[in-house]
């Protein structure tokens, strides 16, 4: 999936994801997945500029890096259940 890091500081990252230009069941699922991770404090989408802002525990930056690596090689569409399962496994086991 195409994305670009627009801004990053420890504990917060803003990603540009063209896929998130409007609210959809997919964007809702991405937000629900992120908010379900214990190390993520908040996640929100700015649809006007197709960006995703994630606030996370700064000590978990390696975990975020693993998730972003997985995101780069993921395909998201209406049937992305398997993708979210892979992400969940990465969040559970990766770089702990």
N, C-alpha and C. Protein backbone atom coordinates (compact mmCIF):
# COMPACT_ATOMS: atom_id res chain seq x y z
N UNK A 1 0.84 -1.16 0.00
CA UNK A 1 0.00 0.00 0.00
C UNK A 1 0.90 1.24 0.00
N UNK A 2 0.51 2.18 -0.79
CA UNK A 2 1.25 3.42 -0.88
C UNK A 2 0.98 4.30 0.34
N UNK A 3 2.04 4.80 0.95
CA UNK A 3 1.91 5.80 2.01
C UNK A 3 3.21 6.59 2.10
N UNK A 4 3.12 7.73 2.75
CA UNK A 4 4.31 8.54 2.99
C UNK A 4 4.23 9.09 4.41
N UNK A 5 5.36 9.14 5.06
CA UNK A 5 5.42 9.74 6.39
C UNK A 5 5.48 11.25 6.21
N UNK A 6 4.48 11.95 6.71
CA UNK A 6 4.43 13.41 6.59
C UNK A 6 5.13 14.09 7.77
N UNK A 7 5.04 13.45 8.94
CA UNK A 7 5.63 14.03 10.13
C UNK A 7 5.77 12.93 11.17
N UNK A 8 6.85 12.94 11.90
CA UNK A 8 7.03 11.95 12.95
C UNK A 8 7.89 12.51 14.07
N UNK A 9 7.42 12.29 15.28
CA UNK A 9 8.19 12.55 16.49
C UNK A 9 7.95 11.34 17.39
N UNK A 10 8.82 11.08 18.35
CA UNK A 10 8.58 9.93 19.22
C UNK A 10 7.18 10.00 19.85
N UNK A 11 6.40 8.98 19.62
CA UNK A 11 5.06 8.91 20.19
C UNK A 11 3.95 9.38 19.26
N UNK A 12 4.30 9.90 18.07
CA UNK A 12 3.27 10.40 17.16
C UNK A 12 3.79 10.36 15.73
N UNK A 13 2.94 9.90 14.82
CA UNK A 13 3.30 9.87 13.41
C UNK A 13 2.08 10.26 12.58
N UNK A 14 2.31 11.00 11.52
CA UNK A 14 1.25 11.35 10.56
C UNK A 14 1.64 10.73 9.22
N UNK A 15 0.75 9.88 8.70
CA UNK A 15 0.98 9.22 7.43
C UNK A 15 0.00 9.73 6.39
N UNK A 16 0.49 9.92 5.18
CA UNK A 16 -0.38 10.24 4.06
C UNK A 16 -0.72 8.92 3.38
N UNK A 17 -2.02 8.60 3.34
CA UNK A 17 -2.51 7.38 2.71
C UNK A 17 -3.62 7.76 1.74
N UNK A 18 -3.36 7.79 0.45
CA UNK A 18 -4.38 8.19 -0.52
C UNK A 18 -5.68 7.40 -0.39
N UNK A 19 -5.58 6.17 0.09
CA UNK A 19 -6.75 5.31 0.26
C UNK A 19 -7.76 5.89 1.27
N UNK A 20 -7.29 6.77 2.14
CA UNK A 20 -8.14 7.30 3.22
C UNK A 20 -8.74 8.67 2.91
N UNK A 21 -8.98 8.94 1.65
CA UNK A 21 -9.49 10.26 1.27
C UNK A 21 -10.96 10.48 1.62
N UNK A 22 -11.68 9.42 1.95
CA UNK A 22 -13.08 9.57 2.37
C UNK A 22 -13.42 8.48 3.37
N UNK A 23 -14.43 8.75 4.18
CA UNK A 23 -14.84 7.77 5.18
C UNK A 23 -15.48 6.58 4.48
N UNK A 24 -15.12 5.39 4.94
CA UNK A 24 -15.68 4.17 4.39
C UNK A 24 -15.61 3.09 5.47
N UNK A 25 -16.18 1.94 5.18
CA UNK A 25 -16.10 0.84 6.14
C UNK A 25 -14.64 0.41 6.32
N UNK A 26 -13.85 0.58 5.28
CA UNK A 26 -12.43 0.24 5.38
C UNK A 26 -11.70 1.17 6.34
N UNK A 27 -11.92 2.48 6.21
CA UNK A 27 -11.25 3.41 7.12
C UNK A 27 -11.71 3.18 8.56
N UNK A 28 -12.99 2.87 8.73
CA UNK A 28 -13.50 2.56 10.07
C UNK A 28 -12.81 1.32 10.63
N UNK A 29 -12.59 0.32 9.78
CA UNK A 29 -11.93 -0.92 10.21
C UNK A 29 -10.47 -0.67 10.57
N UNK A 30 -9.78 0.16 9.80
CA UNK A 30 -8.39 0.50 10.10
C UNK A 30 -8.31 1.19 11.46
N UNK A 31 -9.18 2.17 11.67
CA UNK A 31 -9.19 2.88 12.95
C UNK A 31 -9.52 1.95 14.11
N UNK A 32 -10.51 1.09 13.93
CA UNK A 32 -10.89 0.16 14.99
C UNK A 32 -9.73 -0.78 15.32
N UNK A 33 -9.04 -1.25 14.29
CA UNK A 33 -7.90 -2.12 14.52
C UNK A 33 -6.82 -1.39 15.33
N UNK A 34 -6.46 -0.19 14.90
CA UNK A 34 -5.41 0.56 15.58
C UNK A 34 -5.79 0.88 17.02
N UNK A 35 -7.02 1.32 17.21
CA UNK A 35 -7.46 1.67 18.56
C UNK A 35 -7.55 0.45 19.48
N UNK A 36 -7.61 -0.73 18.90
CA UNK A 36 -7.65 -1.96 19.68
C UNK A 36 -6.28 -2.43 20.16
N UNK A 37 -5.23 -1.77 19.73
CA UNK A 37 -3.88 -2.14 20.14
C UNK A 37 -3.55 -1.41 21.44
N UNK A 38 -3.12 -2.15 22.44
CA UNK A 38 -2.89 -1.57 23.77
C UNK A 38 -1.82 -0.49 23.79
N UNK A 39 -0.89 -0.51 22.87
CA UNK A 39 0.21 0.44 22.85
C UNK A 39 -0.09 1.70 22.03
N UNK A 40 -1.24 1.71 21.38
CA UNK A 40 -1.65 2.89 20.62
C UNK A 40 -2.62 3.71 21.46
N UNK A 41 -2.26 4.97 21.67
CA UNK A 41 -3.08 5.85 22.50
C UNK A 41 -4.29 6.37 21.74
N UNK A 42 -4.10 6.75 20.47
CA UNK A 42 -5.22 7.23 19.66
C UNK A 42 -4.85 7.14 18.19
N UNK A 43 -5.88 7.13 17.37
CA UNK A 43 -5.70 7.13 15.92
C UNK A 43 -6.87 7.90 15.33
N UNK A 44 -6.56 8.75 14.36
CA UNK A 44 -7.64 9.51 13.71
C UNK A 44 -7.27 9.76 12.26
N UNK A 45 -8.30 9.92 11.45
CA UNK A 45 -8.10 10.17 10.02
C UNK A 45 -8.55 11.59 9.72
N UNK A 46 -7.76 12.30 8.95
CA UNK A 46 -8.16 13.59 8.40
C UNK A 46 -8.47 13.31 6.93
N UNK A 47 -9.75 13.19 6.61
CA UNK A 47 -10.16 12.82 5.26
C UNK A 47 -9.81 13.89 4.24
N UNK A 48 -9.82 15.15 4.65
CA UNK A 48 -9.53 16.24 3.73
C UNK A 48 -8.14 16.17 3.12
N UNK A 49 -7.19 15.63 3.88
CA UNK A 49 -5.83 15.50 3.35
C UNK A 49 -5.36 14.05 3.32
N UNK A 50 -6.29 13.11 3.46
CA UNK A 50 -5.99 11.67 3.38
C UNK A 50 -4.83 11.29 4.29
N UNK A 51 -4.90 11.74 5.54
CA UNK A 51 -3.81 11.40 6.46
C UNK A 51 -4.33 10.68 7.69
N UNK A 52 -3.46 9.89 8.24
CA UNK A 52 -3.73 9.12 9.45
C UNK A 52 -2.73 9.57 10.51
N UNK A 53 -3.25 9.98 11.66
CA UNK A 53 -2.39 10.38 12.78
C UNK A 53 -2.51 9.30 13.85
N UNK A 54 -1.37 8.77 14.25
CA UNK A 54 -1.33 7.73 15.28
C UNK A 54 -0.46 8.23 16.43
N UNK A 55 -1.04 8.24 17.62
CA UNK A 55 -0.29 8.54 18.83
C UNK A 55 -0.09 7.22 19.55
N UNK A 56 1.15 6.94 19.93
CA UNK A 56 1.49 5.64 20.50
C UNK A 56 2.49 5.82 21.63
N UNK A 57 2.69 4.77 22.41
CA UNK A 57 3.68 4.82 23.46
C UNK A 57 5.05 4.89 22.80
N UNK A 58 5.79 5.92 23.10
CA UNK A 58 7.08 6.16 22.44
C UNK A 58 8.03 4.97 22.59
N UNK A 59 7.92 4.24 23.67
CA UNK A 59 8.79 3.07 23.88
C UNK A 59 8.47 1.94 22.89
N UNK A 60 7.37 2.06 22.19
CA UNK A 60 6.94 1.02 21.24
C UNK A 60 7.24 1.39 19.80
N UNK A 61 8.21 2.25 19.57
CA UNK A 61 8.50 2.70 18.21
C UNK A 61 8.92 1.57 17.29
N UNK A 62 9.60 0.55 17.81
CA UNK A 62 9.96 -0.60 16.97
C UNK A 62 8.73 -1.37 16.54
N UNK A 63 7.77 -1.46 17.42
CA UNK A 63 6.51 -2.13 17.08
C UNK A 63 5.79 -1.36 15.98
N UNK A 64 5.77 -0.03 16.09
CA UNK A 64 5.16 0.79 15.04
C UNK A 64 5.90 0.59 13.73
N UNK A 65 7.22 0.54 13.78
CA UNK A 65 8.01 0.30 12.58
C UNK A 65 7.65 -1.01 11.90
N UNK A 66 7.45 -2.06 12.69
CA UNK A 66 7.05 -3.36 12.14
C UNK A 66 5.69 -3.27 11.47
N UNK A 67 4.77 -2.55 12.12
CA UNK A 67 3.44 -2.40 11.55
C UNK A 67 3.49 -1.60 10.25
N UNK A 68 4.31 -0.55 10.21
CA UNK A 68 4.43 0.25 8.98
C UNK A 68 5.07 -0.56 7.86
N UNK A 69 6.02 -1.43 8.19
CA UNK A 69 6.61 -2.32 7.19
C UNK A 69 5.53 -3.23 6.61
N UNK A 70 4.69 -3.78 7.47
CA UNK A 70 3.61 -4.65 7.01
C UNK A 70 2.61 -3.86 6.16
N UNK A 71 2.34 -2.64 6.55
CA UNK A 71 1.43 -1.78 5.79
C UNK A 71 1.93 -1.56 4.37
N UNK A 72 3.23 -1.34 4.23
CA UNK A 72 3.82 -1.09 2.91
C UNK A 72 3.53 -2.24 1.95
N UNK A 73 3.50 -3.47 2.46
CA UNK A 73 3.33 -4.63 1.60
C UNK A 73 1.94 -5.25 1.69
N UNK A 74 0.99 -4.49 2.20
CA UNK A 74 -0.38 -4.96 2.34
C UNK A 74 -1.27 -4.43 1.22
N UNK A 75 -2.32 -5.15 0.98
CA UNK A 75 -3.37 -4.70 0.07
C UNK A 75 -4.64 -4.61 0.90
N UNK A 76 -5.25 -3.45 0.91
CA UNK A 76 -6.49 -3.28 1.65
C UNK A 76 -7.64 -3.08 0.69
N UNK A 77 -8.70 -3.80 0.95
CA UNK A 77 -9.94 -3.63 0.21
C UNK A 77 -11.07 -4.06 1.13
N UNK A 78 -12.25 -4.25 0.57
CA UNK A 78 -13.41 -4.58 1.39
C UNK A 78 -13.27 -5.92 2.10
N UNK A 79 -12.39 -6.79 1.62
CA UNK A 79 -12.23 -8.11 2.23
C UNK A 79 -10.85 -8.25 2.87
N UNK A 80 -10.50 -7.31 3.72
CA UNK A 80 -9.15 -7.26 4.29
C UNK A 80 -9.01 -7.97 5.62
N UNK A 81 -9.92 -8.86 5.94
CA UNK A 81 -9.87 -9.56 7.22
C UNK A 81 -8.53 -10.24 7.43
N UNK A 82 -8.01 -10.91 6.41
CA UNK A 82 -6.74 -11.60 6.55
C UNK A 82 -5.60 -10.61 6.80
N UNK A 83 -5.63 -9.48 6.14
CA UNK A 83 -4.61 -8.46 6.35
C UNK A 83 -4.60 -8.01 7.80
N UNK A 84 -5.77 -7.76 8.38
CA UNK A 84 -5.84 -7.32 9.77
C UNK A 84 -5.36 -8.42 10.72
N UNK A 85 -5.60 -9.67 10.37
CA UNK A 85 -5.10 -10.78 11.20
C UNK A 85 -3.57 -10.80 11.19
N UNK A 86 -2.97 -10.57 10.03
CA UNK A 86 -1.51 -10.51 9.93
C UNK A 86 -0.99 -9.33 10.74
N UNK A 87 -1.62 -8.17 10.61
CA UNK A 87 -1.21 -7.00 11.38
C UNK A 87 -1.29 -7.29 12.88
N UNK A 88 -2.38 -7.94 13.30
CA UNK A 88 -2.55 -8.24 14.72
C UNK A 88 -1.43 -9.15 15.22
N UNK A 89 -1.05 -10.12 14.41
CA UNK A 89 0.05 -11.00 14.80
C UNK A 89 1.36 -10.22 14.90
N UNK A 90 1.60 -9.33 13.97
CA UNK A 90 2.80 -8.49 14.04
C UNK A 90 2.79 -7.64 15.30
N UNK A 91 1.64 -7.06 15.61
CA UNK A 91 1.53 -6.22 16.82
C UNK A 91 1.70 -7.05 18.08
N UNK A 92 1.26 -8.30 18.04
CA UNK A 92 1.34 -9.16 19.21
C UNK A 92 2.76 -9.67 19.44
N UNK A 93 3.45 -10.05 18.36
CA UNK A 93 4.73 -10.72 18.52
C UNK A 93 5.93 -9.92 18.06
N UNK A 94 5.74 -9.00 17.14
CA UNK A 94 6.88 -8.31 16.53
C UNK A 94 7.54 -7.30 17.43
N UNK A 95 8.84 -7.38 17.52
CA UNK A 95 9.67 -6.36 18.18
C UNK A 95 9.23 -6.04 19.60
N UNK A 96 8.83 -7.02 20.34
CA UNK A 96 8.41 -6.76 21.73
C UNK A 96 9.59 -6.62 22.65
